[in-house]
């Protein structure tokens, strides 16, 4: 596959024309620097974004009619650890890498380095995200979304078919125009307004699922479960915690 790097940041020097700001203010005393970087690529021939992100928050806004991918990064780090921030084209998709690759080989007395990423993408762009830690917030995307997340909360408003594999952290999913397949380790789950079916495999944490036009299937370890307004309910395992349901327009079964 032909790889055409458009922007690559392995160190922050005058090689790039984007704005880079060293802050070192009182509120960032635990870091050697706080830097800001912007990346842009044309998205006219792209249908998906594949992202590999490490520590830090990730915010993605889908925008109707947008013909480019816009990225703004806030980078908090140390002089002897270089961040890797790269946005490239690979065939018909964009590839994002945002991480501190050498972090595991260095010890710090203060906070761990991280990158906070804010992006705008075309609303119809598919998302495939592999994230280490930190919150994920996605809104306005009208396409399939696949997320593999280590830790940190996930808030998702919109999207078509969702496939989520999450380690820990709360999850809020709303206004989904398709199906949800969710595998979660721990943390509260809230799901509301889904046009397809919902399948949840959960370790621990409370669960609230409402207004699902398809069937709901749950395999749960522990935590309260509440299901309202769905077309069928199947409980594989309810674990420990209270189970309640109401207005189920279809069969209800338990293994």
Protein backbone atom coordinates (compact mmCIF):
# COMPACT_ATOMS: atom_id res chain seq x y z
CA UNK A 1 0.00 0.00 0.00
CA UNK A 2 1.33 3.42 -0.93
CA UNK A 3 1.97 5.55 2.13
CA UNK A 4 2.12 9.30 1.53
CA UNK A 5 2.99 11.11 4.74
CA UNK A 6 1.55 14.58 4.77
CA UNK A 7 2.61 15.77 8.18
CA UNK A 8 4.96 14.11 10.64
CA UNK A 9 5.97 15.54 13.98
CA UNK A 10 8.67 13.68 15.88
CA UNK A 11 10.13 16.79 17.42
CA UNK A 12 8.83 20.31 17.45
CA UNK A 13 11.11 22.63 15.52
CA UNK A 14 10.77 25.33 12.90
CA UNK A 15 10.51 22.65 10.19
CA UNK A 16 6.73 22.97 10.33
CA UNK A 17 4.90 26.18 9.68
CA UNK A 18 2.12 25.43 12.18
CA UNK A 19 1.85 27.32 15.41
CA UNK A 20 3.91 25.86 18.28
CA UNK A 21 3.66 27.50 21.68
CA UNK A 22 5.83 26.81 24.74
CA UNK A 23 3.85 27.70 27.84
CA UNK A 24 5.66 26.43 30.94
CA UNK A 25 3.17 28.37 33.04
CA UNK A 26 2.52 27.86 36.72
CA UNK A 27 -0.32 25.42 36.03
CA UNK A 28 2.00 23.14 34.01
CA UNK A 29 4.92 22.96 36.46
CA UNK A 30 4.95 19.16 36.36
CA UNK A 31 5.91 19.22 32.66
CA UNK A 32 8.83 20.73 30.77
CA UNK A 33 6.51 22.07 28.08
CA UNK A 34 2.96 22.50 26.82
CA UNK A 35 2.85 22.76 23.02
CA UNK A 36 0.07 23.24 20.51
CA UNK A 37 0.06 21.79 16.98
CA UNK A 38 -2.41 21.80 14.09
CA UNK A 39 -2.58 19.22 11.27
CA UNK A 40 -4.81 19.26 8.19
CA UNK A 41 -5.33 16.85 5.26
CA UNK A 42 -7.69 16.76 2.29
CA UNK A 43 -10.45 14.18 2.85
CA UNK A 44 -12.15 14.21 -0.56
CA UNK A 45 -10.88 10.72 -1.52
CA UNK A 46 -11.02 9.25 2.02
CA UNK A 47 -13.83 7.24 3.59
CA UNK A 48 -12.37 6.31 6.99
CA UNK A 49 -10.10 7.43 9.82
CA UNK A 50 -7.89 4.84 11.53
CA UNK A 51 -6.50 6.19 14.80
CA UNK A 52 -3.89 4.85 17.23
CA UNK A 53 -3.79 7.09 20.27
CA UNK A 54 -2.11 6.77 23.65
CA UNK A 55 -2.68 8.81 26.80
CA UNK A 56 -4.89 11.88 26.60
CA UNK A 57 -8.40 12.86 25.58
CA UNK A 58 -9.81 12.37 22.08
CA UNK A 59 -12.67 14.54 20.83
CA UNK A 60 -14.11 13.99 17.33
CA UNK A 61 -16.83 16.14 15.75
CA UNK A 62 -18.50 15.03 12.52
CA UNK A 63 -19.33 17.99 10.26
CA UNK A 64 -21.66 17.84 7.26
CA UNK A 65 -20.02 19.07 4.04
CA UNK A 66 -16.49 19.20 5.47
CA UNK A 67 -13.86 18.16 2.89
CA UNK A 68 -10.81 17.90 5.13
CA UNK A 69 -9.69 16.45 8.45
CA UNK A 70 -8.76 19.11 10.98
CA UNK A 71 -6.68 18.21 14.05
CA UNK A 72 -5.67 20.38 16.99
CA UNK A 73 -3.31 18.89 19.57
CA UNK A 74 -2.37 20.00 23.07
CA UNK A 75 0.89 18.26 24.02
CA UNK A 76 2.21 18.01 27.59
CA UNK A 77 5.62 16.43 27.92
CA UNK A 78 9.29 16.44 28.87
CA UNK A 79 12.36 17.53 26.95
CA UNK A 80 13.92 14.04 26.77
CA UNK A 81 10.75 12.28 25.55
CA UNK A 82 9.62 13.06 22.01
CA UNK A 83 5.96 12.72 20.98
CA UNK A 84 4.88 11.02 17.79
CA UNK A 85 2.07 12.91 16.08
CA UNK A 86 1.36 11.88 12.49
CA UNK A 87 -1.60 12.27 10.14
CA UNK A 88 -1.22 10.52 6.77
CA UNK A 89 -3.13 9.12 3.83
CA UNK A 90 -3.07 5.35 3.30
CA UNK A 91 -5.11 4.40 0.25
CA UNK A 92 -8.73 5.33 0.90
CA UNK A 93 -8.33 6.13 4.59
CA UNK A 94 -6.52 8.54 6.88
CA UNK A 95 -4.13 7.25 9.56
CA UNK A 96 -3.58 9.06 12.85
CA UNK A 97 -0.84 8.20 15.34
CA UNK A 98 -0.64 10.22 18.56
CA UNK A 99 1.56 8.83 21.29
CA UNK A 100 4.79 9.03 23.29
CA UNK A 101 6.59 5.92 22.03
CA UNK A 102 9.59 6.19 24.35
CA UNK A 103 7.52 6.88 27.46
CA UNK A 104 7.80 3.29 28.76
CA UNK A 105 11.60 3.53 28.83
CA UNK A 106 11.76 6.70 30.92
CA UNK A 107 10.89 7.36 34.56
CA UNK A 108 9.29 10.62 35.72
CA UNK A 109 8.83 12.21 39.11
CA UNK A 110 5.76 14.11 37.93
CA UNK A 111 2.79 13.34 35.69
CA UNK A 112 2.94 11.09 32.65
CA UNK A 113 3.13 12.89 29.28
CA UNK A 114 -0.02 12.99 27.17
CA UNK A 115 -1.64 14.47 24.05
CA UNK A 116 -5.17 15.91 24.03
CA UNK A 117 -6.56 15.61 20.48
CA UNK A 118 -9.54 17.53 19.05
CA UNK A 119 -10.65 16.69 15.50
CA UNK A 120 -13.26 17.65 12.92
CA UNK A 121 -14.00 15.07 10.23
CA UNK A 122 -16.62 14.67 7.48
CA UNK A 123 -19.83 13.40 9.06
CA UNK A 124 -19.90 10.34 6.76
CA UNK A 125 -16.36 9.18 7.70
CA UNK A 126 -16.00 5.71 9.26
CA UNK A 127 -13.97 5.62 12.48
CA UNK A 128 -11.63 2.84 13.67
CA UNK A 129 -10.02 3.86 16.97
CA UNK A 130 -7.44 2.04 19.11
CA UNK A 131 -6.98 4.14 22.25
CA UNK A 132 -4.81 3.65 25.32
CA UNK A 133 -6.18 5.86 28.09
CA UNK A 134 -8.17 9.03 28.45
CA UNK A 135 -11.70 10.10 27.60
CA UNK A 136 -13.29 9.69 24.14
CA UNK A 137 -16.08 12.04 22.99
CA UNK A 138 -17.60 11.58 19.50
CA UNK A 139 -20.55 13.54 18.09
CA UNK A 140 -22.11 14.15 14.71
CA UNK A 141 -20.65 11.11 12.88
CA UNK A 142 -23.14 9.24 10.64
CA UNK A 143 -21.07 6.14 9.90
CA UNK A 144 -19.92 2.86 11.47
CA UNK A 145 -17.62 3.29 14.49
CA UNK A 146 -15.21 0.72 15.93
CA UNK A 147 -13.49 1.51 19.24
CA UNK A 148 -10.92 -0.47 21.23
CA UNK A 149 -10.19 1.39 24.45
CA UNK A 150 -8.03 0.65 27.46
CA UNK A 151 -9.39 3.04 30.06
CA UNK A 152 -11.31 6.28 30.29
CA UNK A 153 -14.90 7.32 29.75
CA UNK A 154 -16.62 7.11 26.35
CA UNK A 155 -19.43 9.46 25.27
CA UNK A 156 -20.86 8.86 21.80
CA UNK A 157 -23.82 10.71 20.30
CA UNK A 158 -24.70 9.41 16.83
CA UNK A 159 -23.05 6.83 14.60
CA UNK A 160 -24.42 3.84 12.73
CA UNK A 161 -23.24 0.35 13.74
CA UNK A 162 -21.03 0.47 16.84
CA UNK A 163 -18.49 -2.14 17.93
CA UNK A 164 -16.82 -1.24 21.24
CA UNK A 165 -14.26 -3.20 23.28
CA UNK A 166 -13.58 -1.26 26.48
CA UNK A 167 -11.44 -2.02 29.50
CA UNK A 168 -12.70 0.40 32.13
CA UNK A 169 -14.56 3.67 32.40
CA UNK A 170 -18.15 4.82 32.02
CA UNK A 171 -19.89 4.54 28.64
CA UNK A 172 -22.75 6.70 27.32
CA UNK A 173 -24.19 5.87 23.86
CA UNK A 174 -27.12 7.77 22.36
CA UNK A 175 -28.95 8.26 19.04
CA UNK A 176 -27.38 5.28 17.29
CA UNK A 177 -28.73 4.55 13.80
CA UNK A 178 -27.79 0.86 13.73
CA UNK A 179 -26.67 -1.96 16.02
CA UNK A 180 -24.46 -1.93 19.13
CA UNK A 181 -22.03 -4.69 20.09
CA UNK A 182 -20.38 -3.73 23.38
CA UNK A 183 -17.83 -5.63 25.45
CA UNK A 184 -16.95 -3.82 28.66
CA UNK A 185 -14.74 -4.63 31.61
CA UNK A 186 -15.99 -2.22 34.27
CA UNK A 187 -17.86 1.05 34.57
CA UNK A 188 -21.44 2.27 34.30
CA UNK A 189 -23.23 1.90 30.94
CA UNK A 190 -26.03 4.12 29.61
CA UNK A 191 -27.61 3.42 26.21
CA UNK A 192 -30.54 5.39 24.79
CA UNK A 193 -32.24 5.61 21.37
CA UNK A 194 -30.96 2.78 19.16
CA UNK A 195 -32.57 1.82 15.83
CA UNK A 196 -31.12 -1.72 15.77
CA UNK A 197 -30.27 -4.41 18.30
CA UNK A 198 -28.01 -4.15 21.37
CA UNK A 199 -25.64 -6.85 22.64
CA UNK A 200 -23.70 -6.18 25.86
CA UNK A 201 -21.06 -8.36 27.55
CA UNK A 202 -20.20 -6.59 30.80
CA UNK A 203 -17.95 -7.35 33.74
CA UNK A 204 -19.14 -4.94 36.41
CA UNK A 205 -21.02 -1.69 36.78
CA UNK A 206 -24.62 -0.55 36.53
CA UNK A 207 -26.44 -0.67 33.20
CA UNK A 208 -29.37 1.35 31.81
CA UNK A 209 -30.70 0.58 28.31
CA UNK A 210 -33.69 2.47 26.93
CA UNK A 211 -35.60 2.94 23.68
CA UNK A 212 -34.16 0.19 21.49
CA UNK A 213 -36.08 -0.75 18.32
CA UNK A 214 -34.41 -4.19 18.22
CA UNK A 215 -33.71 -6.93 20.73
CA UNK A 216 -31.47 -6.43 23.78
CA UNK A 217 -29.10 -9.23 24.84
CA UNK A 218 -27.13 -8.95 28.09
CA UNK A 219 -24.35 -11.04 29.66
CA UNK A 220 -23.41 -9.33 32.92
CA UNK A 221 -21.11 -10.06 35.85
CA UNK A 222 -22.29 -7.61 38.50
CA UNK A 223 -24.25 -4.40 38.85
CA UNK A 224 -27.87 -3.30 38.54
CA UNK A 225 -29.59 -3.72 35.15
CA UNK A 226 -32.51 -1.63 33.90
CA UNK A 227 -34.05 -2.14 30.44
CA UNK A 228 -36.98 -0.08 29.09
CA UNK A 229 -38.75 0.00 25.72
CA UNK A 230 -37.10 -2.65 23.57
CA UNK A 231 -38.28 -5.27 21.09
CA UNK A 232 -37.35 -8.34 23.11
CA UNK A 233 -34.91 -9.05 25.93
CA UNK A 234 -32.58 -11.99 26.47
CA UNK A 235 -30.52 -12.26 29.65
CA UNK A 236 -27.61 -14.68 29.24
CA UNK A 237 -26.36 -13.95 32.75
CA UNK A 238 -27.46 -11.21 35.15
CA UNK A 239 -24.75 -11.77 37.78
CA UNK A 240 -25.20 -9.91 41.04
CA UNK A 241 -27.36 -6.82 41.29
CA UNK A 242 -31.00 -5.94 40.70
CA UNK A 243 -32.66 -6.66 37.35
CA UNK A 244 -35.71 -4.70 36.20
CA UNK A 245 -37.40 -4.18 32.84
CA UNK A 246 -40.51 -2.47 31.49
CA UNK A 247 -42.36 -2.06 28.18
CA UNK A 248 -40.63 -4.93 26.38
CA UNK A 249 -42.44 -5.43 23.07
CA UNK A 250 -41.30 -8.97 22.38
CA UNK A 251 -40.17 -12.16 24.11
CA UNK A 252 -38.29 -12.02 27.40
CA UNK A 253 -35.99 -14.95 28.23
CA UNK A 254 -33.25 -15.88 30.68
CA UNK A 255 -30.69 -18.71 30.42
